[in-house]
Amino acid sequence: MEPVRTCVGCRTRAPRSALLRVVSQNDTLVIDERAVLPGRGAWLHPTQECMDAAVRRRAFGRALRVSGQLDTQTIEKQRLNSYGNKVNGSK
């Protein structure tokens, strides 16, 4: 049985393999592709709708238990780059 996590964007439960793990490093959000980085993680569907909802609701700060602002631009660039690579067929 695969572990189940809740998306911080849409708040629906999904298998861990269907979600991205996001961690905070120096007040910057980073995608943890292998789910091995230390610290508390937040789980998110790899869709723009869930990303927008999480940012709008300020869900990352609550889920990661971080006070203050988090830089979300890095995660948006990483997600868009990885999506472009998958669409183009490269790794």
PDB file of N, CA and C in Angstrom:
ATOM      1  N   MET A   1       0.850  -1.180   0.000  1.00  0.00           N
ATOM      2  CA  MET A   1       0.000   0.000   0.000  1.00  0.00           C
ATOM      3  C   MET A   1       0.894   1.241   0.000  1.00  0.00           C
ATOM      4  N   GLU A   2       0.652   2.129  -0.929  1.00  0.00           N
ATOM      5  CA  GLU A   2       1.468   3.330  -1.071  1.00  0.00           C
ATOM      6  C   GLU A   2       1.023   4.418  -0.089  1.00  0.00           C
ATOM      7  N   PRO A   3       1.977   5.180   0.458  1.00  0.00           N
ATOM      8  CA  PRO A   3       1.615   6.267   1.367  1.00  0.00           C
ATOM      9  C   PRO A   3       0.764   7.330   0.670  1.00  0.00           C
ATOM     10  N   VAL A   4      -0.115   7.954   1.436  1.00  0.00           N
ATOM     11  CA  VAL A   4      -1.014   8.981   0.921  1.00  0.00           C
ATOM     12  C   VAL A   4      -0.658  10.309   1.580  1.00  0.00           C
ATOM     13  N   ARG A   5      -0.627  11.382   0.797  1.00  0.00           N
ATOM     14  CA  ARG A   5      -0.325  12.725   1.294  1.00  0.00           C
ATOM     15  C   ARG A   5      -1.419  13.682   0.842  1.00  0.00           C
ATOM     16  N   THR A   6      -1.492  14.853   1.463  1.00  0.00           N
ATOM     17  CA  THR A   6      -2.480  15.869   1.102  1.00  0.00           C
ATOM     18  C   THR A   6      -1.803  17.017   0.384  1.00  0.00           C
ATOM     19  N   CYS A   7      -2.351  17.416  -0.757  1.00  0.00           N
ATOM     20  CA  CYS A   7      -1.830  18.534  -1.535  1.00  0.00           C
ATOM     21  C   CYS A   7      -2.146  19.832  -0.801  1.00  0.00           C
ATOM     22  N   VAL A   8      -1.145  20.709  -0.629  1.00  0.00           N
ATOM     23  CA  VAL A   8      -1.367  21.968   0.070  1.00  0.00           C
ATOM     24  C   VAL A   8      -2.129  22.963  -0.792  1.00  0.00           C
ATOM     25  N   GLY A   9      -2.233  22.705  -2.082  1.00  0.00           N
ATOM     26  CA  GLY A   9      -2.960  23.605  -2.980  1.00  0.00           C
ATOM     27  C   GLY A   9      -4.452  23.338  -2.984  1.00  0.00           C
ATOM     28  N   CYS A  10      -4.832  22.119  -3.367  1.00  0.00           N
ATOM     29  CA  CYS A  10      -6.255  21.788  -3.502  1.00  0.00           C
ATOM     30  C   CYS A  10      -6.818  21.035  -2.295  1.00  0.00           C
ATOM     31  N   ARG A  11      -5.948  20.627  -1.380  1.00  0.00           N
ATOM     32  CA  ARG A  11      -6.326  19.929  -0.146  1.00  0.00           C
ATOM     33  C   ARG A  11      -6.944  18.561  -0.392  1.00  0.00           C
ATOM     34  N   THR A  12      -6.657  17.932  -1.526  1.00  0.00           N
ATOM     35  CA  THR A  12      -7.136  16.576  -1.763  1.00  0.00           C
ATOM     36  C   THR A  12      -6.018  15.595  -1.461  1.00  0.00           C
ATOM     37  N   ARG A  13      -6.411  14.375  -1.086  1.00  0.00           N
ATOM     38  CA  ARG A  13      -5.441  13.342  -0.770  1.00  0.00           C
ATOM     39  C   ARG A  13      -5.095  12.587  -2.045  1.00  0.00           C
ATOM     40  N   ALA A  14      -3.808  12.245  -2.183  1.00  0.00           N
ATOM     41  CA  ALA A  14      -3.340  11.532  -3.363  1.00  0.00           C
ATOM     42  C   ALA A  14      -2.147  10.661  -2.968  1.00  0.00           C
ATOM     43  N   PRO A  15      -1.840   9.656  -3.783  1.00  0.00           N
ATOM     44  CA  PRO A  15      -0.645   8.844  -3.504  1.00  0.00           C
ATOM     45  C   PRO A  15       0.608   9.715  -3.567  1.00  0.00           C
ATOM     46  N   ARG A  16       1.557   9.364  -2.753  1.00  0.00           N
ATOM     47  CA  ARG A  16       2.801  10.133  -2.672  1.00  0.00           C
ATOM     48  C   ARG A  16       3.480  10.259  -4.039  1.00  0.00           C
ATOM     49  N   SER A  17       3.393   9.239  -4.866  1.00  0.00           N
ATOM     50  CA  SER A  17       4.046   9.258  -6.179  1.00  0.00           C
ATOM     51  C   SER A  17       3.418  10.269  -7.141  1.00  0.00           C
ATOM     52  N   ALA A  18       2.198  10.727  -6.868  1.00  0.00           N
ATOM     53  CA  ALA A  18       1.517  11.681  -7.743  1.00  0.00           C
ATOM     54  C   ALA A  18       1.785  13.126  -7.337  1.00  0.00           C
ATOM     55  N   LEU A  19       2.497  13.341  -6.230  1.00  0.00           N
ATOM     56  CA  LEU A  19       2.729  14.686  -5.708  1.00  0.00           C
ATOM     57  C   LEU A  19       4.212  15.040  -5.714  1.00  0.00           C
ATOM     58  N   LEU A  20       4.492  16.337  -5.685  1.00  0.00           N
ATOM     59  CA  LEU A  20       5.856  16.841  -5.550  1.00  0.00           C
ATOM     60  C   LEU A  20       6.089  17.238  -4.102  1.00  0.00           C
ATOM     61  N   ARG A  21       7.264  16.952  -3.582  1.00  0.00           N
ATOM     62  CA  ARG A  21       7.625  17.389  -2.232  1.00  0.00           C
ATOM     63  C   ARG A  21       8.371  18.704  -2.344  1.00  0.00           C
ATOM     64  N   VAL A  22       7.997  19.666  -1.522  1.00  0.00           N
ATOM     65  CA  VAL A  22       8.605  20.991  -1.513  1.00  0.00           C
ATOM     66  C   VAL A  22       9.145  21.254  -0.114  1.00  0.00           C
ATOM     67  N   VAL A  23      10.384  21.742  -0.019  1.00  0.00           N
ATOM     68  CA  VAL A  23      10.994  22.087   1.259  1.00  0.00           C
ATOM     69  C   VAL A  23      11.464  23.532   1.222  1.00  0.00           C
ATOM     70  N   SER A  24      11.732  24.073   2.383  1.00  0.00           N
ATOM     71  CA  SER A  24      12.238  25.437   2.494  1.00  0.00           C
ATOM     72  C   SER A  24      13.717  25.395   2.858  1.00  0.00           C
ATOM     73  N   GLN A  25      14.531  26.072   2.044  1.00  0.00           N
ATOM     74  CA  GLN A  25      15.957  26.207   2.327  1.00  0.00           C
ATOM     75  C   GLN A  25      16.297  27.691   2.258  1.00  0.00           C
ATOM     76  N   ASN A  26      16.651  28.266   3.410  1.00  0.00           N
ATOM     77  CA  ASN A  26      16.983  29.689   3.496  1.00  0.00           C
ATOM     78  C   ASN A  26      15.849  30.559   2.977  1.00  0.00           C
ATOM     79  N   ASP A  27      14.630  30.285   3.417  1.00  0.00           N
ATOM     80  CA  ASP A  27      13.425  31.028   3.026  1.00  0.00           C
ATOM     81  C   ASP A  27      13.144  30.988   1.530  1.00  0.00           C
ATOM     82  N   THR A  28      13.624  29.971   0.854  1.00  0.00           N
ATOM     83  CA  THR A  28      13.347  29.761  -0.562  1.00  0.00           C
ATOM     84  C   THR A  28      12.763  28.366  -0.727  1.00  0.00           C
ATOM     85  N   LEU A  29      11.668  28.265  -1.465  1.00  0.00           N
ATOM     86  CA  LEU A  29      11.069  26.966  -1.709  1.00  0.00           C
ATOM     87  C   LEU A  29      11.850  26.229  -2.782  1.00  0.00           C
ATOM     88  N   VAL A  30      12.095  24.940  -2.536  1.00  0.00           N
ATOM     89  CA  VAL A  30      12.861  24.106  -3.454  1.00  0.00           C
ATOM     90  C   VAL A  30      12.093  22.804  -3.657  1.00  0.00           C
ATOM     91  N   ILE A  31      12.009  22.347  -4.912  1.00  0.00           N
ATOM     92  CA  ILE A  31      11.382  21.059  -5.189  1.00  0.00           C
ATOM     93  C   ILE A  31      12.354  19.952  -4.813  1.00  0.00           C
ATOM     94  N   ASP A  32      11.884  19.031  -4.011  1.00  0.00           N
ATOM     95  CA  ASP A  32      12.677  17.883  -3.577  1.00  0.00           C
ATOM     96  C   ASP A  32      12.252  16.682  -4.416  1.00  0.00           C
ATOM     97  N   GLU A  33      12.866  16.521  -5.578  1.00  0.00           N
ATOM     98  CA  GLU A  33      12.437  15.503  -6.532  1.00  0.00           C
ATOM     99  C   GLU A  33      12.555  14.081  -5.996  1.00  0.00           C
ATOM    100  N   ARG A  34      13.601  13.798  -5.222  1.00  0.00           N
ATOM    101  CA  ARG A  34      13.795  12.447  -4.694  1.00  0.00           C
ATOM    102  C   ARG A  34      13.200  12.274  -3.299  1.00  0.00           C
ATOM    103  N   ALA A  35      12.641  13.335  -2.726  1.00  0.00           N
ATOM    104  CA  ALA A  35      12.025  13.305  -1.396  1.00  0.00           C
ATOM    105  C   ALA A  35      13.009  12.864  -0.324  1.00  0.00           C
ATOM    106  N   VAL A  36      14.234  13.413  -0.364  1.00  0.00           N
ATOM    107  CA  VAL A  36      15.251  13.036   0.609  1.00  0.00           C
ATOM    108  C   VAL A  36      15.866  14.235   1.339  1.00  0.00           C
ATOM    109  N   LEU A  37      15.522  15.451   0.953  1.00  0.00           N
ATOM    110  CA  LEU A  37      16.113  16.617   1.608  1.00  0.00           C
ATOM    111  C   LEU A  37      15.651  16.684   3.057  1.00  0.00           C
ATOM    112  N   PRO A  38      16.511  17.173   3.942  1.00  0.00           N
ATOM    113  CA  PRO A  38      16.140  17.237   5.359  1.00  0.00           C
ATOM    114  C   PRO A  38      15.103  18.321   5.609  1.00  0.00           C
ATOM    115  N   GLY A  39      14.392  18.138   6.682  1.00  0.00           N
ATOM    116  CA  GLY A  39      13.427  19.144   7.104  1.00  0.00           C
ATOM    117  C   GLY A  39      12.008  18.771   6.740  1.00  0.00           C
ATOM    118  N   ARG A  40      11.136  19.639   7.164  1.00  0.00           N
ATOM    119  CA  ARG A  40       9.710  19.443   6.955  1.00  0.00           C
ATOM    120  C   ARG A  40       9.375  19.666   5.482  1.00  0.00           C
ATOM    121  N   GLY A  41       8.494  18.876   4.938  1.00  0.00           N
ATOM    122  CA  GLY A  41       8.117  19.007   3.539  1.00  0.00           C
ATOM    123  C   GLY A  41       6.634  19.257   3.372  1.00  0.00           C
ATOM    124  N   ALA A  42       6.282  19.902   2.270  1.00  0.00           N
ATOM    125  CA  ALA A  42       4.894  20.098   1.875  1.00  0.00           C
ATOM    126  C   ALA A  42       4.702  19.376   0.548  1.00  0.00           C
ATOM    127  N   TRP A  43       3.527  18.846   0.318  1.00  0.00           N
ATOM    128  CA  TRP A  43       3.255  18.065  -0.884  1.00  0.00           C
ATOM    129  C   TRP A  43       2.295  18.830  -1.774  1.00  0.00           C
ATOM    130  N   LEU A  44       2.522  18.754  -3.084  1.00  0.00           N
ATOM    131  CA  LEU A  44       1.780  19.575  -4.046  1.00  0.00           C
ATOM    132  C   LEU A  44       1.607  18.815  -5.354  1.00  0.00           C
ATOM    133  N   HIS A  45       0.400  18.898  -5.941  1.00  0.00           N
ATOM    134  CA  HIS A  45       0.204  18.345  -7.279  1.00  0.00           C
ATOM    135  C   HIS A  45       1.040  19.157  -8.268  1.00  0.00           C
ATOM    136  N   PRO A  46       1.594  18.533  -9.295  1.00  0.00           N
ATOM    137  CA  PRO A  46       2.418  19.261 -10.273  1.00  0.00           C
ATOM    138  C   PRO A  46       1.582  19.996 -11.315  1.00  0.00           C
ATOM    139  N   THR A  47       0.599  20.789 -10.843  1.00  0.00           N
ATOM    140  CA  THR A  47      -0.242  21.571 -11.743  1.00  0.00           C
ATOM    141  C   THR A  47      -0.171  23.041 -11.366  1.00  0.00           C
ATOM    142  N   GLN A  48      -0.408  23.891 -12.334  1.00  0.00           N
ATOM    143  CA  GLN A  48      -0.383  25.334 -12.090  1.00  0.00           C
ATOM    144  C   GLN A  48      -1.525  25.752 -11.159  1.00  0.00           C
ATOM    145  N   GLU A  49      -2.674  25.074 -11.261  1.00  0.00           N
ATOM    146  CA  GLU A  49      -3.823  25.419 -10.415  1.00  0.00           C
ATOM    147  C   GLU A  49      -3.514  25.202  -8.939  1.00  0.00           C
ATOM    148  N   CYS A  50      -2.891  24.077  -8.618  1.00  0.00           N
ATOM    149  CA  CYS A  50      -2.544  23.788  -7.224  1.00  0.00           C
ATOM    150  C   CYS A  50      -1.457  24.739  -6.725  1.00  0.00           C
ATOM    151  N   MET A  51      -0.505  25.056  -7.581  1.00  0.00           N
ATOM    152  CA  MET A  51       0.555  25.997  -7.206  1.00  0.00           C
ATOM    153  C   MET A  51      -0.039  27.367  -6.901  1.00  0.00           C
ATOM    154  N   ASP A  52      -0.920  27.848  -7.781  1.00  0.00           N
ATOM    155  CA  ASP A  52      -1.553  29.150  -7.573  1.00  0.00           C
ATOM    156  C   ASP A  52      -2.394  29.174  -6.303  1.00  0.00           C
ATOM    157  N   ALA A  53      -3.134  28.095  -6.066  1.00  0.00           N
ATOM    158  CA  ALA A  53      -3.972  28.019  -4.866  1.00  0.00           C
ATOM    159  C   ALA A  53      -3.116  28.030  -3.600  1.00  0.00           C
ATOM    160  N   ALA A  54      -2.016  27.294  -3.611  1.00  0.00           N
ATOM    161  CA  ALA A  54      -1.136  27.243  -2.441  1.00  0.00           C
ATOM    162  C   ALA A  54      -0.515  28.606  -2.161  1.00  0.00           C
ATOM    163  N   VAL A  55      -0.092  29.307  -3.210  1.00  0.00           N
ATOM    164  CA  VAL A  55       0.499  30.640  -3.028  1.00  0.00           C
ATOM    165  C   VAL A  55      -0.567  31.620  -2.547  1.00  0.00           C
ATOM    166  N   ARG A  56      -1.739  31.574  -3.158  1.00  0.00           N
ATOM    167  CA  ARG A  56      -2.823  32.491  -2.793  1.00  0.00           C
ATOM    168  C   ARG A  56      -3.250  32.290  -1.336  1.00  0.00           C
ATOM    169  N   ARG A  57      -3.300  31.032  -0.885  1.00  0.00           N
ATOM    170  CA  ARG A  57      -3.727  30.722   0.481  1.00  0.00           C
ATOM    171  C   ARG A  57      -2.594  30.801   1.490  1.00  0.00           C
ATOM    172  N   ARG A  58      -1.373  31.070   1.007  1.00  0.00           N
ATOM    173  CA  ARG A  58      -0.183  31.101   1.865  1.00  0.00           C
ATOM    174  C   ARG A  58      -0.016  29.777   2.604  1.00  0.00           C
ATOM    175  N   ALA A  59      -0.260  28.690   1.896  1.00  0.00           N
ATOM    176  CA  ALA A  59      -0.252  27.361   2.496  1.00  0.00           C
ATOM    177  C   ALA A  59       1.154  26.842   2.763  1.00  0.00           C
ATOM    178  N   PHE A  60       2.136  27.287   1.978  1.00  0.00           N
ATOM    179  CA  PHE A  60       3.497  26.782   2.173  1.00  0.00           C
ATOM    180  C   PHE A  60       4.045  27.170   3.540  1.00  0.00           C
ATOM    181  N   GLY A  61       3.840  28.407   3.955  1.00  0.00           N
ATOM    182  CA  GLY A  61       4.322  28.861   5.257  1.00  0.00           C
ATOM    183  C   GLY A  61       3.736  28.057   6.399  1.00  0.00           C
ATOM    184  N   ARG A  62       2.436  27.791   6.314  1.00  0.00           N
ATOM    185  CA  ARG A  62       1.780  27.006   7.360  1.00  0.00           C
ATOM    186  C   ARG A  62       2.237  25.554   7.346  1.00  0.00           C
ATOM    187  N   ALA A  63       2.289  24.954   6.173  1.00  0.00           N
ATOM    188  CA  ALA A  63       2.651  23.541   6.078  1.00  0.00           C
ATOM    189  C   ALA A  63       4.099  23.292   6.511  1.00  0.00           C
ATOM    190  N   LEU A  64       4.975  24.233   6.178  1.00  0.00           N
ATOM    191  CA  LEU A  64       6.387  24.077   6.515  1.00  0.00           C
ATOM    192  C   LEU A  64       6.738  24.680   7.874  1.00  0.00           C
ATOM    193  N   ARG A  65       5.753  25.300   8.500  1.00  0.00           N
ATOM    194  CA  ARG A  65       5.924  25.949   9.801  1.00  0.00           C
ATOM    195  C   ARG A  65       7.064  26.965   9.775  1.00  0.00           C
ATOM    196  N   VAL A  66       6.990  27.849   8.772  1.00  0.00           N
ATOM    197  CA  VAL A  66       7.985  28.902   8.592  1.00  0.00           C
ATOM    198  C   VAL A  66       7.291  30.234   8.793  1.00  0.00           C
ATOM    199  N   SER A  67       7.873  31.078   9.637  1.00  0.00           N
ATOM    200  CA  SER A  67       7.307  32.413   9.802  1.00  0.00           C
ATOM    201  C   SER A  67       7.983  33.351   8.809  1.00  0.00           C
ATOM    202  N   GLY A  68       7.234  34.279   8.294  1.00  0.00           N
ATOM    203  CA  GLY A  68       7.800  35.203   7.317  1.00  0.00           C
ATOM    204  C   GLY A  68       7.482  34.778   5.893  1.00  0.00           C
ATOM    205  N   GLN A  69       7.974  35.562   4.958  1.00  0.00           N
ATOM    206  CA  GLN A  69       7.722  35.324   3.539  1.00  0.00           C
ATOM    207  C   GLN A  69       8.651  34.251   2.977  1.00  0.00           C
ATOM    208  N   LEU A  70       8.134  33.453   2.073  1.00  0.00           N
ATOM    209  CA  LEU A  70       8.926  32.462   1.361  1.00  0.00           C
ATOM    210  C   LEU A  70       9.026  32.880  -0.099  1.00  0.00           C
ATOM    211  N   ASP A  71      10.180  32.672  -0.697  1.00  0.00           N
ATOM    212  CA  ASP A  71      10.390  32.994  -2.106  1.00  0.00           C
ATOM    213  C   ASP A  71       9.833  31.854  -2.946  1.00  0.00           C
ATOM    214  N   THR A  72       8.744  32.115  -3.682  1.00  0.00           N
ATOM    215  CA  THR A  72       8.104  31.092  -4.498  1.00  0.00           C
ATOM    216  C   THR A  72       8.530  31.152  -5.962  1.00  0.00           C
ATOM    217  N   GLN A  73       9.297  32.155  -6.338  1.00  0.00           N
ATOM    218  CA  GLN A  73       9.699  32.276  -7.743  1.00  0.00           C
ATOM    219  C   GLN A  73      10.611  31.127  -8.163  1.00  0.00           C
ATOM    220  N   THR A  74      11.472  30.682  -7.289  1.00  0.00           N
ATOM    221  CA  THR A  74      12.398  29.601  -7.609  1.00  0.00           C
ATOM    222  C   THR A  74      11.644  28.315  -7.917  1.00  0.00           C
ATOM    223  N   ILE A  75      10.658  27.994  -7.108  1.00  0.00           N
ATOM    224  CA  ILE A  75       9.903  26.755  -7.322  1.00  0.00           C
ATOM    225  C   ILE A  75       9.101  26.833  -8.614  1.00  0.00           C
ATOM    226  N   GLU A  76       8.572  28.000  -8.944  1.00  0.00           N
ATOM    227  CA  GLU A  76       7.808  28.146 -10.181  1.00  0.00           C
ATOM    228  C   GLU A  76       8.714  27.946 -11.392  1.00  0.00           C
ATOM    229  N   LYS A  77       9.930  28.482 -11.343  1.00  0.00           N
ATOM    230  CA  LYS A  77      10.876  28.302 -12.446  1.00  0.00           C
ATOM    231  C   LYS A  77      11.293  26.847 -12.563  1.00  0.00           C
ATOM    232  N   GLN A  78      11.574  26.194 -11.430  1.00  0.00           N
ATOM    233  CA  GLN A  78      11.978  24.791 -11.443  1.00  0.00           C
ATOM    234  C   GLN A  78      10.875  23.919 -12.020  1.00  0.00           C
ATOM    235  N   ARG A  79       9.654  24.181 -11.605  1.00  0.00           N
ATOM    236  CA  ARG A  79       8.524  23.374 -12.059  1.00  0.00           C
ATOM    237  C   ARG A  79       8.307  23.554 -13.557  1.00  0.00           C
ATOM    238  N   LEU A  80       8.382  24.794 -14.035  1.00  0.00           N
ATOM    239  CA  LEU A  80       8.199  25.049 -15.455  1.00  0.00           C
ATOM    240  C   LEU A  80       9.319  24.425 -16.277  1.00  0.00           C
ATOM    241  N   ASN A  81      10.557  24.492 -15.792  1.00  0.00           N
ATOM    242  CA  ASN A  81      11.673  23.889 -16.506  1.00  0.00           C
ATOM    243  C   ASN A  81      11.538  22.372 -16.570  1.00  0.00           C
ATOM    244  N   SER A  82      11.168  21.751 -15.466  1.00  0.00           N
ATOM    245  CA  SER A  82      11.042  20.295 -15.474  1.00  0.00           C
ATOM    246  C   SER A  82       9.867  19.869 -16.340  1.00  0.00           C
ATOM    247  N   TYR A  83       8.795  20.648 -16.369  1.00  0.00           N
ATOM    248  CA  TYR A  83       7.654  20.315 -17.219  1.00  0.00           C
ATOM    249  C   TYR A  83       8.048  20.438 -18.687  1.00  0.00           C
ATOM    250  N   GLY A  84       8.791  21.474 -19.040  1.00  0.00           N
ATOM    251  CA  GLY A  84       9.245  21.654 -20.418  1.00  0.00           C
ATOM    252  C   GLY A  84      10.140  20.518 -20.853  1.00  0.00           C
ATOM    253  N   ASN A  85      10.988  20.032 -19.969  1.00  0.00           N
ATOM    254  CA  ASN A  85      11.877  18.914 -20.294  1.00  0.00           C
ATOM    255  C   ASN A  85      11.074  17.635 -20.547  1.00  0.00           C
ATOM    256  N   LYS A  86      10.042  17.390 -19.752  1.00  0.00           N
ATOM    257  CA  LYS A  86       9.243  16.183 -19.942  1.00  0.00           C
ATOM    258  C   LYS A  86       8.464  16.252 -21.256  1.00  0.00           C
ATOM    259  N   VAL A  87       7.956  17.440 -21.607  1.00  0.00           N
ATOM    260  CA  VAL A  87       7.204  17.593 -22.830  1.00  0.00           C
ATOM    261  C   VAL A  87       8.116  17.415 -24.046  1.00  0.00           C
ATOM    262  N   ASN A  88       9.323  17.958 -23.986  1.00  0.00           N
ATOM    263  CA  ASN A  88      10.246  17.869 -25.094  1.00  0.00           C
ATOM    264  C   ASN A  88      10.949  16.528 -25.196  1.00  0.00           C
ATOM    265  N   GLY A  89      10.783  15.674 -24.200  1.00  0.00           N
ATOM    266  CA  GLY A  89      11.361  14.352 -24.245  1.00  0.00           C
ATOM    267  C   GLY A  89      12.766  14.242 -23.706  1.00  0.00           C
ATOM    268  N   SER A  90      13.355  15.328 -23.240  1.00  0.00           N
ATOM    269  CA  SER A  90      14.701  15.258 -22.685  1.00  0.00           C
ATOM    270  C   SER A  90      14.620  15.040 -21.180  1.00  0.00           C
ATOM    271  N   LYS A  91      15.777  14.729 -20.573  1.00  0.00           N
ATOM    272  CA  LYS A  91      15.787  14.463 -19.132  1.00  0.00           C
ATOM    273  C   LYS A  91      16.210  15.620 -18.349  1.00  0.00           C
TER     274      LYS A  91
END
